[in-house]
Amino acid sequence: MNQSHTKIIIGIGGSSGSLYAKLLLDLLSQHPDQPIVGVVMSDNALINWKLECGDGSPKIDYPNFTFYDKYDFFAPFASGSAGYTAMVVCPASMGIVGRVATGVSNDLMTRAADVILKERRTLIMVPRETPFSLIHLRNMTTITEAGGTMIPAIPSFYSQPKSIEEAALTVVDRIVDHLGLDNETFRWSE
């Protein structure tokens, strides 16, 4: 499958876990089949990025990606006609999970998720919360029943990661796999 024209939306929600988003953007920016990437961040995501990833700016660190204001409803992926094939919300706060589950499109991130679901395209939510309440579980079930995929930010350890980044990459690698992009990573029993 030719991935050179793959269009992906990255939503960065406001929960802790900016490292997951940073590693995902790193992988996508270095991918040999360079997908077209549009990024939208919540206000809290910008705060957490600075707290967890340092003073760097994602807009500066990833010049190949287009960043959109959270209320820019003229962004191409605010409509299904733009042909974006996938969206990842990473990390996904339980607030955004709840809004997506109930169809509340009050900003670009939730509108884009709504568009992806209605077009029957790939929506990946990466909740970073613990423990899950019954409300959280029901909202995640609703998104899954609507065609979305939940990849909780729960690292695996059978690859024996040597750093926090390597542990976080075990989650990010699963995201990239579910986007259908080639990815060189540890594989069980290989």
C-alpha atoms as a PDB file:
ATOM      1  CA  MET A   1       0.000   0.000   0.000  1.00  0.00           C
ATOM      2  CA  ASN A   2       1.446   3.382  -0.971  1.00  0.00           C
ATOM      3  CA  GLN A   3       1.517   5.488   2.186  1.00  0.00           C
ATOM      4  CA  SER A   4       2.976   8.626   0.545  1.00  0.00           C
ATOM      5  CA  HIS A   5      -0.441  10.303   0.471  1.00  0.00           C
ATOM      6  CA  THR A   6      -1.696   9.119   3.849  1.00  0.00           C
ATOM      7  CA  LYS A   7      -3.298  12.002   5.747  1.00  0.00           C
ATOM      8  CA  ILE A   8      -3.312  11.730   9.527  1.00  0.00           C
ATOM      9  CA  ILE A   9      -4.759  14.005  12.199  1.00  0.00           C
ATOM     10  CA  ILE A  10      -2.982  14.073  15.544  1.00  0.00           C
ATOM     11  CA  GLY A  11      -5.023  15.432  18.426  1.00  0.00           C
ATOM     12  CA  ILE A  12      -3.027  16.082  21.572  1.00  0.00           C
ATOM     13  CA  GLY A  13      -5.325  16.141  24.576  1.00  0.00           C
ATOM     14  CA  GLY A  14      -4.741  17.723  27.927  1.00  0.00           C
ATOM     15  CA  SER A  15      -4.018  14.751  30.149  1.00  0.00           C
ATOM     16  CA  SER A  16      -0.538  13.871  31.328  1.00  0.00           C
ATOM     17  CA  GLY A  17       1.377  11.842  28.769  1.00  0.00           C
ATOM     18  CA  SER A  18       2.885  14.376  26.367  1.00  0.00           C
ATOM     19  CA  LEU A  19       5.827  12.008  25.949  1.00  0.00           C
ATOM     20  CA  TYR A  20       3.567   9.627  24.023  1.00  0.00           C
ATOM     21  CA  ALA A  21       2.550  12.423  21.637  1.00  0.00           C
ATOM     22  CA  LYS A  22       6.143  13.582  21.217  1.00  0.00           C
ATOM     23  CA  LEU A  23       7.375  10.079  20.391  1.00  0.00           C
ATOM     24  CA  LEU A  24       4.490   9.616  17.940  1.00  0.00           C
ATOM     25  CA  LEU A  25       5.326  12.896  16.194  1.00  0.00           C
ATOM     26  CA  ASP A  26       9.004  11.864  16.134  1.00  0.00           C
ATOM     27  CA  LEU A  27       8.168   8.561  14.424  1.00  0.00           C
ATOM     28  CA  LEU A  28       5.808  10.168  11.915  1.00  0.00           C
ATOM     29  CA  SER A  29       8.285  12.958  11.086  1.00  0.00           C
ATOM     30  CA  GLN A  30      10.995  10.377  10.332  1.00  0.00           C
ATOM     31  CA  HIS A  31       8.776   7.887   8.510  1.00  0.00           C
ATOM     32  CA  PRO A  32      10.104   7.067   5.018  1.00  0.00           C
ATOM     33  CA  ASP A  33       6.614   7.371   3.487  1.00  0.00           C
ATOM     34  CA  GLN A  34       6.141  10.818   5.092  1.00  0.00           C
ATOM     35  CA  PRO A  35       2.410  11.113   5.774  1.00  0.00           C
ATOM     36  CA  ILE A  36       0.633  14.454   5.666  1.00  0.00           C
ATOM     37  CA  VAL A  37       0.041  15.347   9.315  1.00  0.00           C
ATOM     38  CA  GLY A  38      -2.298  17.957  10.779  1.00  0.00           C
ATOM     39  CA  VAL A  39      -1.993  18.617  14.513  1.00  0.00           C
ATOM     40  CA  VAL A  40      -4.448  20.193  16.940  1.00  0.00           C
ATOM     41  CA  MET A  41      -3.689  20.657  20.640  1.00  0.00           C
ATOM     42  CA  SER A  42      -5.885  21.563  23.575  1.00  0.00           C
ATOM     43  CA  ASP A  43      -4.885  24.404  25.910  1.00  0.00           C
ATOM     44  CA  ASN A  44      -3.946  21.916  28.616  1.00  0.00           C
ATOM     45  CA  ALA A  45      -1.894  19.919  26.109  1.00  0.00           C
ATOM     46  CA  LEU A  46       0.271  22.984  25.538  1.00  0.00           C
ATOM     47  CA  ILE A  47       0.758  23.353  29.303  1.00  0.00           C
ATOM     48  CA  ASN A  48       1.561  19.659  29.786  1.00  0.00           C
ATOM     49  CA  TRP A  49       3.934  19.642  26.817  1.00  0.00           C
ATOM     50  CA  LYS A  50       6.010  22.342  28.478  1.00  0.00           C
ATOM     51  CA  LEU A  51       5.888  20.606  31.898  1.00  0.00           C
ATOM     52  CA  GLU A  52       6.690  17.128  30.592  1.00  0.00           C
ATOM     53  CA  CYS A  53       8.775  17.666  27.442  1.00  0.00           C
ATOM     54  CA  GLY A  54      10.668  20.876  28.248  1.00  0.00           C
ATOM     55  CA  ASP A  55      10.581  24.323  26.749  1.00  0.00           C
ATOM     56  CA  GLY A  56      10.605  23.204  23.114  1.00  0.00           C
ATOM     57  CA  SER A  57       7.648  24.090  20.944  1.00  0.00           C
ATOM     58  CA  PRO A  58       6.016  21.321  18.919  1.00  0.00           C
ATOM     59  CA  LYS A  59       5.308  23.859  16.162  1.00  0.00           C
ATOM     60  CA  ILE A  60       9.038  24.540  15.860  1.00  0.00           C
ATOM     61  CA  ASP A  61      10.214  20.965  16.452  1.00  0.00           C
ATOM     62  CA  TYR A  62       7.965  19.543  13.708  1.00  0.00           C
ATOM     63  CA  PRO A  63       8.077  22.019  10.797  1.00  0.00           C
ATOM     64  CA  ASN A  64       6.788  19.397   8.305  1.00  0.00           C
ATOM     65  CA  PHE A  65       3.450  19.221  10.121  1.00  0.00           C
ATOM     66  CA  THR A  66       0.662  21.777  10.005  1.00  0.00           C
ATOM     67  CA  PHE A  67      -0.642  22.953  13.377  1.00  0.00           C
ATOM     68  CA  TYR A  68      -4.205  24.229  13.684  1.00  0.00           C
ATOM     69  CA  ASP A  69      -5.907  26.336  16.314  1.00  0.00           C
ATOM     70  CA  LYS A  70      -8.367  24.349  18.416  1.00  0.00           C
ATOM     71  CA  TYR A  71     -11.257  26.441  17.071  1.00  0.00           C
ATOM     72  CA  ASP A  72     -10.195  26.497  13.401  1.00  0.00           C
ATOM     73  CA  PHE A  73     -13.247  24.946  11.790  1.00  0.00           C
ATOM     74  CA  PHE A  74     -11.788  25.869   8.396  1.00  0.00           C
ATOM     75  CA  ALA A  75      -9.041  23.256   8.866  1.00  0.00           C
ATOM     76  CA  PRO A  76      -9.332  20.699   6.067  1.00  0.00           C
ATOM     77  CA  PHE A  77     -10.076  17.784   8.389  1.00  0.00           C
ATOM     78  CA  ALA A  78     -13.149  19.546   9.797  1.00  0.00           C
ATOM     79  CA  SER A  79     -14.856  17.962   6.756  1.00  0.00           C
ATOM     80  CA  GLY A  80     -14.862  14.397   5.499  1.00  0.00           C
ATOM     81  CA  SER A  81     -14.273  15.639   1.955  1.00  0.00           C
ATOM     82  CA  ALA A  82     -10.608  16.392   2.810  1.00  0.00           C
ATOM     83  CA  GLY A  83      -9.891  12.659   2.794  1.00  0.00           C
ATOM     84  CA  TYR A  84      -7.902  12.315   5.999  1.00  0.00           C
ATOM     85  CA  THR A  85      -7.629   8.573   6.581  1.00  0.00           C
ATOM     86  CA  ALA A  86      -6.950   8.422  10.306  1.00  0.00           C
ATOM     87  CA  MET A  87      -6.926  10.321  13.569  1.00  0.00           C
ATOM     88  CA  VAL A  88      -5.028   9.641  16.768  1.00  0.00           C
ATOM     89  CA  VAL A  89      -5.884  11.427  20.011  1.00  0.00           C
ATOM     90  CA  CYS A  90      -2.769  10.992  22.130  1.00  0.00           C
ATOM     91  CA  PRO A  91      -2.965  11.410  25.030  1.00  0.00           C
ATOM     92  CA  ALA A  92      -6.737  11.439  25.352  1.00  0.00           C
ATOM     93  CA  SER A  93      -8.182  12.964  28.481  1.00  0.00           C
ATOM     94  CA  MET A  94     -11.387  11.456  29.770  1.00  0.00           C
ATOM     95  CA  GLY A  95     -13.026  14.788  28.949  1.00  0.00           C
ATOM     96  CA  ILE A  96     -12.316  14.389  25.224  1.00  0.00           C
ATOM     97  CA  VAL A  97     -13.242  10.694  25.372  1.00  0.00           C
ATOM     98  CA  GLY A  98     -16.612  11.694  26.854  1.00  0.00           C
ATOM     99  CA  ARG A  99     -17.218  14.446  24.297  1.00  0.00           C
ATOM    100  CA  VAL A 100     -16.355  12.139  21.367  1.00  0.00           C
ATOM    101  CA  ALA A 101     -18.526   9.351  22.803  1.00  0.00           C
ATOM    102  CA  THR A 102     -21.529  11.672  23.004  1.00  0.00           C
ATOM    103  CA  GLY A 103     -20.966  13.435  19.681  1.00  0.00           C
ATOM    104  CA  VAL A 104     -20.176  16.846  21.175  1.00  0.00           C
ATOM    105  CA  SER A 105     -18.139  18.714  18.545  1.00  0.00           C
ATOM    106  CA  ASN A 106     -17.283  21.880  20.425  1.00  0.00           C
ATOM    107  CA  ASP A 107     -13.752  22.335  19.031  1.00  0.00           C
ATOM    108  CA  LEU A 108     -11.614  21.155  16.117  1.00  0.00           C
ATOM    109  CA  MET A 109     -10.366  18.047  17.909  1.00  0.00           C
ATOM    110  CA  THR A 110     -13.828  16.734  18.721  1.00  0.00           C
ATOM    111  CA  ARG A 111     -15.168  17.770  15.296  1.00  0.00           C
ATOM    112  CA  ALA A 112     -12.328  15.891  13.583  1.00  0.00           C
ATOM    113  CA  ALA A 113     -13.003  12.770  15.662  1.00  0.00           C
ATOM    114  CA  ASP A 114     -16.703  13.023  14.801  1.00  0.00           C
ATOM    115  CA  VAL A 115     -15.841  13.318  11.090  1.00  0.00           C
ATOM    116  CA  ILE A 116     -13.497  10.320  11.206  1.00  0.00           C
ATOM    117  CA  LEU A 117     -16.164   8.170  12.871  1.00  0.00           C
ATOM    118  CA  LYS A 118     -18.960   9.209  10.527  1.00  0.00           C
ATOM    119  CA  GLU A 119     -16.737   8.509   7.507  1.00  0.00           C
ATOM    120  CA  ARG A 120     -15.885   5.055   8.924  1.00  0.00           C
ATOM    121  CA  ARG A 121     -12.171   5.822   8.990  1.00  0.00           C
ATOM    122  CA  THR A 122      -9.538   4.978  11.608  1.00  0.00           C
ATOM    123  CA  LEU A 123      -9.935   6.679  14.995  1.00  0.00           C
ATOM    124  CA  ILE A 124      -7.425   5.748  17.686  1.00  0.00           C
ATOM    125  CA  MET A 125      -7.873   7.084  21.206  1.00  0.00           C
ATOM    126  CA  VAL A 126      -4.992   6.781  23.682  1.00  0.00           C
ATOM    127  CA  PRO A 127      -6.513   7.314  27.126  1.00  0.00           C
ATOM    128  CA  ARG A 128      -4.009   8.121  29.840  1.00  0.00           C
ATOM    129  CA  GLU A 129      -6.011   7.769  33.025  1.00  0.00           C
ATOM    130  CA  THR A 130      -6.178   5.378  35.935  1.00  0.00           C
ATOM    131  CA  PRO A 131      -8.282   3.954  37.390  1.00  0.00           C
ATOM    132  CA  PHE A 132     -11.156   3.946  34.925  1.00  0.00           C
ATOM    133  CA  SER A 133     -14.573   4.808  36.320  1.00  0.00           C
ATOM    134  CA  LEU A 134     -17.705   3.138  34.990  1.00  0.00           C
ATOM    135  CA  ILE A 135     -18.427   6.349  33.051  1.00  0.00           C
ATOM    136  CA  HIS A 136     -14.963   6.163  31.418  1.00  0.00           C
ATOM    137  CA  LEU A 137     -15.488   2.513  30.502  1.00  0.00           C
ATOM    138  CA  ARG A 138     -18.917   3.177  29.011  1.00  0.00           C
ATOM    139  CA  ASN A 139     -17.590   6.107  26.965  1.00  0.00           C
ATOM    140  CA  MET A 140     -14.713   3.980  25.668  1.00  0.00           C
ATOM    141  CA  THR A 141     -17.177   1.198  24.844  1.00  0.00           C
ATOM    142  CA  THR A 142     -19.365   3.649  22.915  1.00  0.00           C
ATOM    143  CA  ILE A 143     -16.395   4.845  20.835  1.00  0.00           C
ATOM    144  CA  THR A 144     -15.326   1.247  20.197  1.00  0.00           C
ATOM    145  CA  GLU A 145     -18.854   0.291  19.106  1.00  0.00           C
ATOM    146  CA  ALA A 146     -18.819   3.298  16.742  1.00  0.00           C
ATOM    147  CA  GLY A 147     -15.655   1.971  15.084  1.00  0.00           C
ATOM    148  CA  GLY A 148     -12.886   3.579  17.124  1.00  0.00           C
ATOM    149  CA  THR A 149      -9.929   1.787  18.661  1.00  0.00           C
ATOM    150  CA  MET A 150      -8.773   2.258  22.245  1.00  0.00           C
ATOM    151  CA  ILE A 151      -5.053   1.917  22.839  1.00  0.00           C
ATOM    152  CA  PRO A 152      -4.584   2.862  26.477  1.00  0.00           C
ATOM    153  CA  ALA A 153      -1.203   4.306  27.401  1.00  0.00           C
ATOM    154  CA  ILE A 154      -0.184   1.053  29.067  1.00  0.00           C
ATOM    155  CA  PRO A 155       3.385   0.048  28.166  1.00  0.00           C
ATOM    156  CA  SER A 156       4.517  -3.536  27.707  1.00  0.00           C
ATOM    157  CA  PHE A 157       7.766  -4.813  29.170  1.00  0.00           C
ATOM    158  CA  TYR A 158       8.604  -8.048  27.336  1.00  0.00           C
ATOM    159  CA  SER A 159      10.995  -6.078  25.090  1.00  0.00           C
ATOM    160  CA  GLN A 160      12.900  -5.133  28.275  1.00  0.00           C
ATOM    161  CA  PRO A 161      12.843  -1.345  27.751  1.00  0.00           C
ATOM    162  CA  LYS A 162      15.848   0.433  29.263  1.00  0.00           C
ATOM    163  CA  SER A 163      14.324   3.912  29.644  1.00  0.00           C
ATOM    164  CA  ILE A 164      11.015   5.702  30.091  1.00  0.00           C
ATOM    165  CA  GLU A 165      11.129   6.599  26.381  1.00  0.00           C
ATOM    166  CA  GLU A 166      11.608   2.952  25.361  1.00  0.00           C
ATOM    167  CA  ALA A 167       8.698   1.903  27.584  1.00  0.00           C
ATOM    168  CA  ALA A 168       6.480   4.645  26.115  1.00  0.00           C
ATOM    169  CA  LEU A 169       7.507   3.560  22.605  1.00  0.00           C
ATOM    170  CA  THR A 170       5.857   0.187  23.206  1.00  0.00           C
ATOM    171  CA  VAL A 171       2.533   2.066  23.171  1.00  0.00           C
ATOM    172  CA  VAL A 172       3.481   4.360  20.288  1.00  0.00           C
ATOM    173  CA  ASP A 173       4.590   1.392  18.175  1.00  0.00           C
ATOM    174  CA  ARG A 174       1.109  -0.133  18.592  1.00  0.00           C
ATOM    175  CA  ILE A 175      -0.429   3.158  17.457  1.00  0.00           C
ATOM    176  CA  VAL A 176       1.753   3.212  14.333  1.00  0.00           C
ATOM    177  CA  ASP A 177       0.863  -0.423  13.625  1.00  0.00           C
ATOM    178  CA  HIS A 178      -2.851   0.426  13.818  1.00  0.00           C
ATOM    179  CA  LEU A 179      -2.310   3.349  11.434  1.00  0.00           C
ATOM    180  CA  GLY A 180      -1.138   0.756   8.902  1.00  0.00           C
ATOM    181  CA  LEU A 181       2.325   2.282   8.545  1.00  0.00           C
ATOM    182  CA  ASP A 182       5.472   0.173   8.299  1.00  0.00           C
ATOM    183  CA  ASN A 183       7.301   0.201  11.599  1.00  0.00           C
ATOM    184  CA  GLU A 184      10.538  -1.444  12.702  1.00  0.00           C
ATOM    185  CA  THR A 185       9.963  -2.461  16.302  1.00  0.00           C
ATOM    186  CA  PHE A 186      10.265  -5.360  18.706  1.00  0.00           C
ATOM    187  CA  ARG A 187       7.880  -8.172  17.778  1.00  0.00           C
ATOM    188  CA  TRP A 188       6.940 -11.015  20.079  1.00  0.00           C
ATOM    189  CA  SER A 189       8.851 -14.261  19.265  1.00  0.00           C
ATOM    190  CA  GLU A 190      10.727 -12.753  16.317  1.00  0.00           C
END
